[in-house]
Structures are given as structure tokens and as C-alpha cells.
Amino acid sequence: MATNCLVTGVTGYIGGRLVPKLLEQGYNVRVLSRDASRLQGRRWIDKVEVVEADVLKPETLTGALDNIDVAYYLIHSMSGKGDADFHKRDMQAAQNFGDAARAENVARIIYLGGLGNPDDELSQHLSSRQKTGETLRASGIPVTEFRAAIVVGSGSKSFEMIRYLSERVPVMICPSWVYSKVQPIAIRNVLQYLVSAVEKPETKDQIIEIG
């Protein structure tokens, strides 16, 4: 019997590219979105089951994870200037999702978080990404957490920004943060990790740094 996978964050860069990779492997795929109309035009839309739900509204998650074996959690809040509540939203969303997964006896959650030493002084955004993983694990569902830094690939914000600058600004004065060392990873490699984890039970309850 084919594995049933649920993918969240499908309107995002990684989630939208993960769906066809799972379909190629023969998995049954259900996608979760707050607004299903935003998925129209996706090449895979007729090959998946679509459910409308909002992880910040737990009542909408009822039945969304029914009969799901593996749930991909690819949701995180993007904090804007003056947005002091994004961390609270991240934690509430992860708790709601974990509770719903436990209620439906989901076998495993696969989560893509952020790379960084938790003992260091992490940014609010990166700290929230890692605490999201902790909140998902608190549900009691086995979690495979991948931690990555910048994901690079055509169409990603990081890639397109660098390409735009290199094509239009041959010489520029850079702020000090551009000299910060990072550990980028290609989108194709991230997708390979996310897909292969389904068939690797030894990754359950593991935090795996990739890059």
C-alpha cells in the first residue's frame, strides 16, 4: 500500500517543489493550504488531494490529517518590521499541528528548520525555527528535523536577489553582514533529503544538519 503524505507550505518555494518529487516516488499526496485558489495552475494539482485549513485555527485541521502516514511541516512566519508576535504564531501553529497529528495517529512528522548552534546567540527568526521543532516533538509524534541554512536554487529569493545584483550592479559597497559565513545548500539536495527520509525509519526522532 502506498504511503500517504501530507505537505504543508505548498505555496512556498520548497513545498511546491516537494509535491512532484513525492508523486514521482508513487506516494499518495494530500496538500494543505489556507487558500486552495492559490494552487490553481500548478502542474500537479490534478494528482493530489487538496484540503483547506489554517494551522492557526485548530478547528479547521479536523480530518485534515486523517489516514496520513507522513506529514511534512514546511510552515513558518516571516517577521516584518515591528512584528513582535511572529514567534508566538510559530509556536501556536506548531502546537496545533502536532495536536492534530497526534489525534489522527500520524506516524511521523518531517520538518525543515534552520541551521545554527542553539548555544549561540541566534536571531529571533532562527531561534523560532528551532523552537518550532521542539514544539512539534512535544506532541509525542516522531519528528525528523532537517536543519539547513540558505537554500539556493532558481526561483528562490536568495538566488534571484544575487543574480539581480550581479547582473545590474557590477561594483557596489557592501554592508558588513555580507561577510557573514553561511552554509548554503542546493534545492535539489534539500528535496532529496526530504523525500528519502520517508523510507529511512532510522531518521525518526533525529535532528539532521544538512548543507
N, C-alpha and C. Protein backbone atom coordinates (compact mmCIF):
# COMPACT_ATOMS: atom_id res chain seq x y z
N MET A 1 0.85 -1.19 0.00
CA MET A 1 0.00 0.00 0.00
C MET A 1 0.88 1.24 0.00
N ALA A 2 0.56 2.19 -0.85
CA ALA A 2 1.37 3.40 -0.98
C ALA A 2 1.29 4.24 0.29
N THR A 3 2.38 4.90 0.60
CA THR A 3 2.45 5.80 1.75
C THR A 3 1.64 7.06 1.47
N ASN A 4 0.88 7.48 2.46
CA ASN A 4 0.08 8.71 2.34
C ASN A 4 0.83 9.87 2.98
N CYS A 5 1.13 10.89 2.18
CA CYS A 5 1.89 12.04 2.66
C CYS A 5 1.04 13.30 2.62
N LEU A 6 1.18 14.12 3.64
CA LEU A 6 0.56 15.44 3.66
C LEU A 6 1.67 16.48 3.58
N VAL A 7 1.51 17.46 2.71
CA VAL A 7 2.51 18.51 2.57
C VAL A 7 1.87 19.86 2.89
N THR A 8 2.47 20.58 3.81
CA THR A 8 2.05 21.95 4.12
C THR A 8 3.02 22.91 3.42
N GLY A 9 2.67 24.18 3.42
CA GLY A 9 3.56 25.16 2.82
C GLY A 9 3.72 25.01 1.33
N VAL A 10 2.69 24.50 0.65
CA VAL A 10 2.82 24.20 -0.78
C VAL A 10 2.82 25.44 -1.66
N THR A 11 2.45 26.59 -1.13
CA THR A 11 2.56 27.81 -1.93
C THR A 11 3.95 28.41 -1.81
N GLY A 12 4.78 27.82 -0.97
CA GLY A 12 6.14 28.29 -0.79
C GLY A 12 7.12 27.64 -1.77
N TYR A 13 8.35 28.10 -1.71
CA TYR A 13 9.39 27.67 -2.65
C TYR A 13 9.68 26.17 -2.54
N ILE A 14 9.85 25.67 -1.33
CA ILE A 14 10.23 24.28 -1.14
C ILE A 14 9.02 23.35 -1.24
N GLY A 15 7.94 23.70 -0.58
CA GLY A 15 6.75 22.84 -0.58
C GLY A 15 6.22 22.58 -1.98
N GLY A 16 6.18 23.62 -2.81
CA GLY A 16 5.67 23.46 -4.16
C GLY A 16 6.53 22.57 -5.02
N ARG A 17 7.82 22.48 -4.71
CA ARG A 17 8.73 21.62 -5.46
C ARG A 17 8.81 20.22 -4.87
N LEU A 18 8.41 20.08 -3.62
CA LEU A 18 8.44 18.76 -2.99
C LEU A 18 7.31 17.87 -3.51
N VAL A 19 6.16 18.44 -3.74
CA VAL A 19 4.99 17.66 -4.16
C VAL A 19 5.27 16.78 -5.37
N PRO A 20 5.78 17.32 -6.49
CA PRO A 20 6.02 16.44 -7.65
C PRO A 20 7.07 15.36 -7.38
N LYS A 21 8.03 15.63 -6.51
CA LYS A 21 9.04 14.63 -6.19
C LYS A 21 8.40 13.45 -5.44
N LEU A 22 7.47 13.73 -4.56
CA LEU A 22 6.77 12.66 -3.84
C LEU A 22 5.88 11.87 -4.79
N LEU A 23 5.23 12.56 -5.71
CA LEU A 23 4.39 11.87 -6.68
C LEU A 23 5.22 10.95 -7.57
N GLU A 24 6.43 11.37 -7.93
CA GLU A 24 7.32 10.55 -8.74
C GLU A 24 7.67 9.24 -8.04
N GLN A 25 7.70 9.28 -6.71
CA GLN A 25 8.04 8.08 -5.94
C GLN A 25 6.82 7.18 -5.71
N GLY A 26 5.67 7.59 -6.21
CA GLY A 26 4.47 6.77 -6.10
C GLY A 26 3.69 6.97 -4.82
N TYR A 27 3.98 8.02 -4.07
CA TYR A 27 3.25 8.28 -2.84
C TYR A 27 1.92 8.97 -3.13
N ASN A 28 0.94 8.71 -2.29
CA ASN A 28 -0.31 9.46 -2.34
C ASN A 28 -0.07 10.79 -1.62
N VAL A 29 -0.44 11.87 -2.25
CA VAL A 29 -0.13 13.19 -1.69
C VAL A 29 -1.40 14.00 -1.45
N ARG A 30 -1.49 14.53 -0.25
CA ARG A 30 -2.53 15.49 0.11
C ARG A 30 -1.83 16.80 0.45
N VAL A 31 -2.34 17.91 -0.02
CA VAL A 31 -1.73 19.20 0.27
C VAL A 31 -2.68 20.04 1.11
N LEU A 32 -2.09 20.81 2.01
CA LEU A 32 -2.87 21.65 2.91
C LEU A 32 -2.54 23.10 2.61
N SER A 33 -3.58 23.91 2.43
CA SER A 33 -3.39 25.33 2.15
C SER A 33 -4.51 26.13 2.78
N ARG A 34 -4.19 27.33 3.22
CA ARG A 34 -5.23 28.21 3.74
C ARG A 34 -6.19 28.66 2.65
N ASP A 35 -5.68 28.77 1.43
CA ASP A 35 -6.49 29.25 0.31
C ASP A 35 -6.20 28.37 -0.90
N ALA A 36 -7.07 27.42 -1.17
CA ALA A 36 -6.85 26.47 -2.26
C ALA A 36 -6.80 27.15 -3.63
N SER A 37 -7.40 28.31 -3.76
CA SER A 37 -7.40 29.01 -5.06
C SER A 37 -5.99 29.41 -5.48
N ARG A 38 -5.09 29.54 -4.52
CA ARG A 38 -3.72 29.93 -4.83
C ARG A 38 -2.94 28.80 -5.49
N LEU A 39 -3.51 27.60 -5.49
CA LEU A 39 -2.83 26.45 -6.09
C LEU A 39 -3.23 26.21 -7.54
N GLN A 40 -4.21 26.95 -8.01
CA GLN A 40 -4.65 26.77 -9.39
C GLN A 40 -3.50 27.05 -10.36
N GLY A 41 -3.39 26.18 -11.36
CA GLY A 41 -2.33 26.35 -12.34
C GLY A 41 -1.11 25.51 -12.06
N ARG A 42 -1.02 24.93 -10.85
CA ARG A 42 0.11 24.04 -10.56
C ARG A 42 -0.02 22.78 -11.41
N ARG A 43 1.09 22.33 -11.96
CA ARG A 43 1.05 21.19 -12.87
C ARG A 43 0.58 19.90 -12.19
N TRP A 44 0.75 19.85 -10.87
CA TRP A 44 0.40 18.63 -10.14
C TRP A 44 -0.97 18.69 -9.47
N ILE A 45 -1.70 19.75 -9.68
CA ILE A 45 -2.93 19.96 -8.91
C ILE A 45 -3.94 18.83 -9.09
N ASP A 46 -4.00 18.23 -10.28
CA ASP A 46 -4.98 17.17 -10.54
C ASP A 46 -4.53 15.80 -10.02
N LYS A 47 -3.32 15.75 -9.47
CA LYS A 47 -2.78 14.48 -9.00
C LYS A 47 -2.76 14.37 -7.48
N VAL A 48 -3.25 15.41 -6.81
CA VAL A 48 -3.21 15.43 -5.35
C VAL A 48 -4.60 15.70 -4.79
N GLU A 49 -4.75 15.43 -3.51
CA GLU A 49 -5.96 15.81 -2.77
C GLU A 49 -5.68 17.14 -2.08
N VAL A 50 -6.59 18.07 -2.18
CA VAL A 50 -6.40 19.40 -1.59
C VAL A 50 -7.36 19.59 -0.42
N VAL A 51 -6.80 20.04 0.71
CA VAL A 51 -7.65 20.39 1.85
C VAL A 51 -7.34 21.83 2.25
N GLU A 52 -8.39 22.56 2.57
CA GLU A 52 -8.22 23.94 3.04
C GLU A 52 -8.25 23.94 4.56
N ALA A 53 -7.19 24.46 5.15
CA ALA A 53 -7.11 24.54 6.61
C ALA A 53 -6.07 25.57 6.98
N ASP A 54 -6.19 26.08 8.19
CA ASP A 54 -5.28 27.10 8.70
C ASP A 54 -4.71 26.57 10.02
N VAL A 55 -3.39 26.41 10.10
CA VAL A 55 -2.79 25.84 11.31
C VAL A 55 -2.97 26.74 12.52
N LEU A 56 -3.33 28.00 12.32
CA LEU A 56 -3.61 28.88 13.45
C LEU A 56 -5.05 28.80 13.90
N LYS A 57 -5.85 28.00 13.18
CA LYS A 57 -7.25 27.78 13.55
C LYS A 57 -7.43 26.27 13.70
N PRO A 58 -7.20 25.74 14.88
CA PRO A 58 -7.18 24.28 15.06
C PRO A 58 -8.46 23.58 14.64
N GLU A 59 -9.59 24.26 14.70
CA GLU A 59 -10.84 23.62 14.31
C GLU A 59 -10.86 23.26 12.83
N THR A 60 -10.07 23.97 12.02
CA THR A 60 -10.04 23.68 10.59
C THR A 60 -9.18 22.46 10.27
N LEU A 61 -8.38 22.00 11.23
CA LEU A 61 -7.49 20.87 11.00
C LEU A 61 -8.19 19.52 11.21
N THR A 62 -9.41 19.55 11.72
CA THR A 62 -10.14 18.31 11.96
C THR A 62 -10.30 17.53 10.66
N GLY A 63 -9.75 16.34 10.63
CA GLY A 63 -9.83 15.49 9.44
C GLY A 63 -8.77 15.74 8.39
N ALA A 64 -8.03 16.85 8.53
CA ALA A 64 -7.03 17.18 7.51
C ALA A 64 -5.90 16.16 7.46
N LEU A 65 -5.62 15.54 8.60
CA LEU A 65 -4.53 14.56 8.67
C LEU A 65 -5.03 13.13 8.80
N ASP A 66 -6.29 12.93 8.52
CA ASP A 66 -6.87 11.59 8.59
C ASP A 66 -6.18 10.65 7.61
N ASN A 67 -5.75 9.49 8.11
CA ASN A 67 -5.14 8.45 7.29
C ASN A 67 -3.80 8.88 6.68
N ILE A 68 -3.13 9.83 7.30
CA ILE A 68 -1.82 10.28 6.82
C ILE A 68 -0.70 9.53 7.56
N ASP A 69 0.27 9.06 6.80
CA ASP A 69 1.42 8.36 7.39
C ASP A 69 2.54 9.34 7.74
N VAL A 70 2.87 10.21 6.79
CA VAL A 70 3.97 11.16 6.97
C VAL A 70 3.47 12.57 6.66
N ALA A 71 3.68 13.49 7.60
CA ALA A 71 3.25 14.88 7.40
C ALA A 71 4.48 15.78 7.33
N TYR A 72 4.57 16.54 6.26
CA TYR A 72 5.66 17.50 6.10
C TYR A 72 5.23 18.85 6.64
N TYR A 73 6.01 19.36 7.59
CA TYR A 73 5.71 20.66 8.17
C TYR A 73 6.70 21.67 7.62
N LEU A 74 6.24 22.50 6.68
CA LEU A 74 7.10 23.47 6.00
C LEU A 74 6.54 24.87 6.17
N ILE A 75 6.05 25.16 7.38
CA ILE A 75 5.39 26.42 7.68
C ILE A 75 6.23 27.21 8.67
N HIS A 76 6.41 28.50 8.40
CA HIS A 76 6.98 29.38 9.40
C HIS A 76 6.57 30.81 9.08
N SER A 77 6.47 31.62 10.11
CA SER A 77 6.08 33.02 9.93
C SER A 77 7.28 33.83 9.50
N MET A 78 7.06 34.78 8.61
CA MET A 78 8.11 35.72 8.23
C MET A 78 7.85 37.02 8.98
N SER A 79 8.79 37.38 9.85
CA SER A 79 8.59 38.57 10.67
C SER A 79 8.87 39.83 9.87
N GLY A 80 7.97 40.77 9.96
CA GLY A 80 8.18 42.07 9.34
C GLY A 80 8.66 43.06 10.39
N LYS A 81 9.00 44.25 9.95
CA LYS A 81 9.47 45.27 10.88
C LYS A 81 8.40 45.58 11.91
N GLY A 82 8.78 45.49 13.16
CA GLY A 82 7.83 45.78 14.23
C GLY A 82 6.91 44.63 14.57
N ASP A 83 7.09 43.48 13.91
CA ASP A 83 6.23 42.32 14.18
C ASP A 83 6.81 41.54 15.35
N ALA A 84 6.24 41.75 16.52
CA ALA A 84 6.75 41.09 17.72
C ALA A 84 6.06 39.76 18.00
N ASP A 85 5.05 39.42 17.21
CA ASP A 85 4.24 38.25 17.51
C ASP A 85 4.53 37.04 16.61
N PHE A 86 5.51 37.16 15.71
CA PHE A 86 5.72 36.05 14.79
C PHE A 86 6.15 34.78 15.52
N HIS A 87 6.94 34.92 16.58
CA HIS A 87 7.38 33.75 17.35
C HIS A 87 6.18 33.07 18.00
N LYS A 88 5.29 33.86 18.55
CA LYS A 88 4.09 33.30 19.19
C LYS A 88 3.24 32.56 18.16
N ARG A 89 3.13 33.11 16.94
CA ARG A 89 2.37 32.44 15.89
C ARG A 89 3.03 31.12 15.49
N ASP A 90 4.36 31.13 15.40
CA ASP A 90 5.08 29.90 15.05
C ASP A 90 4.80 28.80 16.07
N MET A 91 4.87 29.14 17.34
CA MET A 91 4.68 28.14 18.39
C MET A 91 3.24 27.63 18.41
N GLN A 92 2.29 28.55 18.25
CA GLN A 92 0.89 28.13 18.27
C GLN A 92 0.56 27.26 17.08
N ALA A 93 1.09 27.62 15.92
CA ALA A 93 0.85 26.83 14.72
C ALA A 93 1.41 25.42 14.87
N ALA A 94 2.64 25.32 15.36
CA ALA A 94 3.28 24.01 15.54
C ALA A 94 2.53 23.17 16.56
N GLN A 95 2.07 23.80 17.63
CA GLN A 95 1.33 23.06 18.65
C GLN A 95 0.01 22.54 18.09
N ASN A 96 -0.69 23.39 17.35
CA ASN A 96 -1.96 22.97 16.75
C ASN A 96 -1.76 21.81 15.79
N PHE A 97 -0.72 21.91 14.98
CA PHE A 97 -0.44 20.86 14.00
C PHE A 97 -0.06 19.56 14.70
N GLY A 98 0.79 19.66 15.72
CA GLY A 98 1.19 18.47 16.47
C GLY A 98 0.01 17.81 17.15
N ASP A 99 -0.87 18.61 17.72
CA ASP A 99 -2.07 18.06 18.37
C ASP A 99 -2.95 17.33 17.36
N ALA A 100 -3.12 17.93 16.18
CA ALA A 100 -3.95 17.31 15.15
C ALA A 100 -3.31 16.02 14.65
N ALA A 101 -1.98 16.02 14.51
CA ALA A 101 -1.27 14.82 14.06
C ALA A 101 -1.41 13.70 15.07
N ARG A 102 -1.33 14.03 16.35
CA ARG A 102 -1.48 13.02 17.39
C ARG A 102 -2.89 12.46 17.40
N ALA A 103 -3.88 13.33 17.23
CA ALA A 103 -5.27 12.88 17.24
C ALA A 103 -5.57 11.92 16.09
N GLU A 104 -4.85 12.08 14.97
CA GLU A 104 -5.08 11.24 13.80
C GLU A 104 -4.07 10.11 13.68
N ASN A 105 -3.23 9.94 14.72
CA ASN A 105 -2.24 8.85 14.74
C ASN A 105 -1.28 8.89 13.55
N VAL A 106 -0.84 10.08 13.19
CA VAL A 106 0.16 10.23 12.14
C VAL A 106 1.46 9.55 12.61
N ALA A 107 2.09 8.81 11.72
CA ALA A 107 3.27 8.04 12.11
C ALA A 107 4.51 8.91 12.30
N ARG A 108 4.63 9.97 11.49
CA ARG A 108 5.83 10.79 11.59
C ARG A 108 5.62 12.17 11.00
N ILE A 109 6.33 13.14 11.55
CA ILE A 109 6.39 14.49 11.02
C ILE A 109 7.81 14.74 10.51
N ILE A 110 7.92 15.28 9.30
CA ILE A 110 9.21 15.69 8.77
C ILE A 110 9.20 17.21 8.68
N TYR A 111 10.19 17.84 9.32
CA TYR A 111 10.20 19.29 9.45
C TYR A 111 11.53 19.84 8.93
N LEU A 112 11.45 20.92 8.19
CA LEU A 112 12.65 21.62 7.72
C LEU A 112 12.83 22.89 8.53
N GLY A 113 13.86 22.89 9.37
CA GLY A 113 14.14 24.03 10.22
C GLY A 113 15.40 24.76 9.80
N GLY A 114 15.94 25.55 10.71
CA GLY A 114 17.10 26.39 10.38
C GLY A 114 18.37 25.91 11.05
N LEU A 115 19.46 26.04 10.32
CA LEU A 115 20.76 25.60 10.81
C LEU A 115 21.36 26.66 11.74
N GLY A 116 21.89 26.22 12.87
CA GLY A 116 22.52 27.13 13.81
C GLY A 116 22.74 26.45 15.14
N ASN A 117 23.80 26.81 15.81
CA ASN A 117 24.11 26.24 17.12
C ASN A 117 23.19 26.85 18.17
N PRO A 118 22.35 26.04 18.82
CA PRO A 118 21.40 26.61 19.80
C PRO A 118 22.08 27.26 20.99
N ASP A 119 23.37 26.95 21.19
CA ASP A 119 24.11 27.57 22.30
C ASP A 119 24.61 28.96 21.94
N ASP A 120 24.57 29.30 20.65
CA ASP A 120 24.98 30.64 20.22
C ASP A 120 23.82 31.61 20.37
N GLU A 121 24.12 32.88 20.18
CA GLU A 121 23.07 33.90 20.24
C GLU A 121 22.40 33.98 18.87
N LEU A 122 21.37 33.17 18.70
CA LEU A 122 20.70 33.08 17.41
C LEU A 122 19.76 34.27 17.20
N SER A 123 19.48 34.58 15.95
CA SER A 123 18.50 35.61 15.65
C SER A 123 17.12 35.13 16.10
N GLN A 124 16.19 36.06 16.27
CA GLN A 124 14.84 35.69 16.68
C GLN A 124 14.20 34.74 15.69
N HIS A 125 14.45 35.01 14.42
CA HIS A 125 13.87 34.16 13.38
C HIS A 125 14.41 32.74 13.46
N LEU A 126 15.74 32.60 13.55
CA LEU A 126 16.35 31.27 13.59
C LEU A 126 16.00 30.54 14.87
N SER A 127 15.97 31.27 15.98
CA SER A 127 15.58 30.66 17.25
C SER A 127 14.16 30.12 17.18
N SER A 128 13.28 30.87 16.53
CA SER A 128 11.89 30.43 16.40
C SER A 128 11.80 29.17 15.55
N ARG A 129 12.63 29.08 14.50
CA ARG A 129 12.63 27.88 13.66
C ARG A 129 13.00 26.65 14.47
N GLN A 130 14.00 26.79 15.34
CA GLN A 130 14.44 25.64 16.13
C GLN A 130 13.44 25.29 17.23
N LYS A 131 12.82 26.29 17.82
CA LYS A 131 11.83 26.02 18.86
C LYS A 131 10.55 25.44 18.26
N THR A 132 10.32 25.71 16.98
CA THR A 132 9.20 25.06 16.29
C THR A 132 9.40 23.55 16.29
N GLY A 133 10.64 23.12 16.02
CA GLY A 133 10.95 21.69 16.06
C GLY A 133 10.70 21.10 17.44
N GLU A 134 11.07 21.84 18.49
CA GLU A 134 10.83 21.37 19.85
C GLU A 134 9.34 21.23 20.12
N THR A 135 8.57 22.18 19.64
CA THR A 135 7.12 22.14 19.86
C THR A 135 6.49 20.96 19.13
N LEU A 136 6.94 20.68 17.92
CA LEU A 136 6.42 19.52 17.19
C LEU A 136 6.76 18.23 17.92
N ARG A 137 7.97 18.13 18.45
CA ARG A 137 8.37 16.91 19.18
C ARG A 137 7.56 16.74 20.46
N ALA A 138 7.13 17.85 21.05
CA ALA A 138 6.35 17.78 22.28
C ALA A 138 5.00 17.10 22.06
N SER A 139 4.58 16.98 20.81
CA SER A 139 3.31 16.31 20.51
C SER A 139 3.38 14.81 20.77
N GLY A 140 4.61 14.27 20.84
CA GLY A 140 4.78 12.84 21.02
C GLY A 140 4.89 12.08 19.71
N ILE A 141 4.67 12.78 18.59
CA ILE A 141 4.84 12.16 17.27
C ILE A 141 6.33 12.15 16.93
N PRO A 142 6.89 11.05 16.41
CA PRO A 142 8.29 11.05 15.99
C PRO A 142 8.53 12.13 14.93
N VAL A 143 9.57 12.92 15.13
CA VAL A 143 9.88 14.01 14.21
C VAL A 143 11.27 13.81 13.62
N THR A 144 11.37 13.95 12.31
CA THR A 144 12.67 14.06 11.65
C THR A 144 12.85 15.53 11.31
N GLU A 145 13.83 16.17 11.95
CA GLU A 145 14.06 17.60 11.72
C GLU A 145 15.35 17.79 10.94
N PHE A 146 15.21 18.32 9.74
CA PHE A 146 16.38 18.72 8.97
C PHE A 146 16.64 20.20 9.24
N ARG A 147 17.92 20.53 9.40
CA ARG A 147 18.28 21.93 9.61
C ARG A 147 19.19 22.38 8.48
N ALA A 148 18.75 23.43 7.80
CA ALA A 148 19.51 23.95 6.66
C ALA A 148 19.65 25.46 6.81
N ALA A 149 20.69 25.99 6.17
CA ALA A 149 20.89 27.44 6.14
C ALA A 149 20.18 27.99 4.90
N ILE A 150 20.89 28.68 4.04
CA ILE A 150 20.28 29.25 2.84
C ILE A 150 20.07 28.15 1.80
N VAL A 151 18.85 28.03 1.31
CA VAL A 151 18.54 27.08 0.25
C VAL A 151 18.61 27.84 -1.08
N VAL A 152 19.49 27.36 -1.95
CA VAL A 152 19.78 28.09 -3.19
C VAL A 152 19.25 27.32 -4.39
N GLY A 153 18.57 28.02 -5.27
CA GLY A 153 18.07 27.43 -6.50
C GLY A 153 17.32 28.46 -7.30
N SER A 154 17.20 28.23 -8.58
CA SER A 154 16.49 29.16 -9.44
C SER A 154 15.07 29.37 -8.93
N GLY A 155 14.70 30.62 -8.77
CA GLY A 155 13.37 30.94 -8.27
C GLY A 155 13.34 31.29 -6.80
N SER A 156 14.39 30.93 -6.05
CA SER A 156 14.41 31.26 -4.62
C SER A 156 14.76 32.73 -4.45
N LYS A 157 14.32 33.32 -3.37
CA LYS A 157 14.56 34.74 -3.13
C LYS A 157 16.05 35.03 -3.05
N SER A 158 16.81 34.15 -2.39
CA SER A 158 18.24 34.36 -2.24
C SER A 158 18.93 34.34 -3.60
N PHE A 159 18.61 33.33 -4.39
CA PHE A 159 19.22 33.17 -5.71
C PHE A 159 18.89 34.34 -6.62
N GLU A 160 17.61 34.70 -6.67
CA GLU A 160 17.20 35.77 -7.58
C GLU A 160 17.77 37.12 -7.16
N MET A 161 17.92 37.35 -5.86
CA MET A 161 18.50 38.61 -5.39
C MET A 161 19.96 38.70 -5.81
N ILE A 162 20.71 37.61 -5.62
CA ILE A 162 22.12 37.61 -6.00
C ILE A 162 22.28 37.77 -7.51
N ARG A 163 21.44 37.08 -8.27
CA ARG A 163 21.52 37.19 -9.73
C ARG A 163 21.19 38.61 -10.18
N TYR A 164 20.16 39.20 -9.58
CA TYR A 164 19.77 40.56 -9.95
C TYR A 164 20.91 41.55 -9.69
N LEU A 165 21.53 41.43 -8.51
CA LEU A 165 22.61 42.35 -8.15
C LEU A 165 23.82 42.16 -9.06
N SER A 166 24.18 40.90 -9.31
CA SER A 166 25.37 40.64 -10.11
C SER A 166 25.20 41.09 -11.56
N GLU A 167 23.97 41.07 -12.06
CA GLU A 167 23.72 41.47 -13.44
C GLU A 167 23.62 42.99 -13.60
N ARG A 168 23.18 43.67 -12.55
CA ARG A 168 22.90 45.10 -12.69
C ARG A 168 23.86 46.01 -11.92
N VAL A 169 24.55 45.46 -10.93
CA VAL A 169 25.45 46.29 -10.13
C VAL A 169 26.83 45.62 -10.11
N PRO A 170 27.67 45.89 -11.10
CA PRO A 170 28.97 45.23 -11.17
C PRO A 170 29.90 45.60 -10.01
N VAL A 171 29.75 46.82 -9.47
CA VAL A 171 30.56 47.26 -8.34
C VAL A 171 29.64 47.90 -7.32
N MET A 172 29.79 47.51 -6.06
CA MET A 172 28.94 48.09 -5.03
C MET A 172 29.64 48.05 -3.69
N ILE A 173 29.27 48.98 -2.82
CA ILE A 173 29.75 48.99 -1.44
C ILE A 173 28.81 48.12 -0.62
N CYS A 174 29.35 47.12 0.02
CA CYS A 174 28.51 46.14 0.72
C CYS A 174 28.47 46.41 2.22
N PRO A 175 27.33 46.17 2.85
CA PRO A 175 27.25 46.26 4.31
C PRO A 175 28.03 45.11 4.95
N SER A 176 28.31 45.24 6.22
CA SER A 176 29.17 44.25 6.90
C SER A 176 28.56 42.86 6.93
N TRP A 177 27.21 42.75 6.88
CA TRP A 177 26.60 41.44 7.03
C TRP A 177 26.86 40.53 5.83
N VAL A 178 27.28 41.09 4.69
CA VAL A 178 27.54 40.23 3.54
C VAL A 178 28.77 39.36 3.75
N TYR A 179 29.59 39.70 4.75
CA TYR A 179 30.78 38.91 5.03
C TYR A 179 30.52 37.79 6.03
N SER A 180 29.27 37.66 6.47
CA SER A 180 28.91 36.58 7.38
C SER A 180 29.02 35.24 6.64
N LYS A 181 29.63 34.26 7.28
CA LYS A 181 29.78 32.95 6.66
C LYS A 181 28.47 32.18 6.77
N VAL A 182 28.09 31.56 5.66
CA VAL A 182 26.87 30.76 5.63
C VAL A 182 27.20 29.41 5.01
N GLN A 183 26.26 28.50 5.15
CA GLN A 183 26.45 27.14 4.62
C GLN A 183 25.27 26.83 3.69
N PRO A 184 25.33 27.32 2.44
CA PRO A 184 24.20 27.13 1.52
C PRO A 184 24.04 25.69 1.08
N ILE A 185 22.85 25.36 0.62
CA ILE A 185 22.58 24.04 0.08
C ILE A 185 21.64 24.19 -1.11
N ALA A 186 21.85 23.38 -2.13
CA ALA A 186 21.04 23.46 -3.34
C ALA A 186 19.65 22.88 -3.07
N ILE A 187 18.64 23.46 -3.71
CA ILE A 187 17.26 23.00 -3.53
C ILE A 187 17.12 21.52 -3.90
N ARG A 188 17.83 21.06 -4.94
CA ARG A 188 17.70 19.65 -5.34
C ARG A 188 18.18 18.72 -4.24
N ASN A 189 19.19 19.16 -3.48
CA ASN A 189 19.69 18.33 -2.38
C ASN A 189 18.73 18.32 -1.20
N VAL A 190 18.12 19.48 -0.92
CA VAL A 190 17.12 19.54 0.15
C VAL A 190 15.96 18.61 -0.17
N LEU A 191 15.48 18.65 -1.40
CA LEU A 191 14.36 17.80 -1.80
C LEU A 191 14.74 16.33 -1.69
N GLN A 192 15.98 16.00 -2.04
CA GLN A 192 16.43 14.61 -1.94
C GLN A 192 16.39 14.13 -0.50
N TYR A 193 16.84 14.97 0.42
CA TYR A 193 16.79 14.61 1.85
C TYR A 193 15.34 14.42 2.31
N LEU A 194 14.49 15.36 1.96
CA LEU A 194 13.11 15.31 2.42
C LEU A 194 12.37 14.08 1.91
N VAL A 195 12.60 13.72 0.65
CA VAL A 195 11.92 12.57 0.06
C VAL A 195 12.49 11.26 0.59
N SER A 196 13.81 11.15 0.65
CA SER A 196 14.43 9.89 1.05
C SER A 196 14.15 9.54 2.51
N ALA A 197 13.86 10.54 3.33
CA ALA A 197 13.60 10.29 4.75
C ALA A 197 12.39 9.40 4.97
N VAL A 198 11.45 9.43 4.03
CA VAL A 198 10.22 8.63 4.18
C VAL A 198 10.56 7.15 4.32
N GLU A 199 11.54 6.69 3.53
CA GLU A 199 11.90 5.27 3.52
C GLU A 199 13.05 4.95 4.46
N LYS A 200 13.42 5.90 5.31
CA LYS A 200 14.53 5.67 6.24
C LYS A 200 14.03 5.84 7.68
N PRO A 201 13.49 4.77 8.27
CA PRO A 201 12.94 4.87 9.63
C PRO A 201 13.98 5.26 10.67
N GLU A 202 15.27 5.04 10.36
CA GLU A 202 16.30 5.41 11.33
C GLU A 202 16.42 6.92 11.52
N THR A 203 15.76 7.71 10.65
CA THR A 203 15.80 9.17 10.81
C THR A 203 14.73 9.67 11.79
N LYS A 204 13.90 8.78 12.27
CA LYS A 204 12.89 9.21 13.25
C LYS A 204 13.57 9.75 14.51
N ASP A 205 12.99 10.82 15.04
CA ASP A 205 13.49 11.43 16.26
C ASP A 205 14.95 11.89 16.13
N GLN A 206 15.32 12.27 14.92
CA GLN A 206 16.68 12.75 14.67
C GLN A 206 16.65 14.20 14.22
N ILE A 207 17.68 14.96 14.63
CA ILE A 207 17.94 16.29 14.12
C ILE A 207 19.14 16.17 13.21
N ILE A 208 18.96 16.48 11.93
CA ILE A 208 19.99 16.24 10.93
C ILE A 208 20.36 17.56 10.27
N GLU A 209 21.62 17.95 10.40
CA GLU A 209 22.10 19.18 9.78
C GLU A 209 22.53 18.85 8.35
N ILE A 210 22.05 19.64 7.40
CA ILE A 210 22.35 19.38 6.00
C ILE A 210 22.97 20.63 5.39
N GLY A 211 23.80 20.44 4.40
CA GLY A 211 24.44 21.55 3.74
C GLY A 211 25.83 21.19 3.28
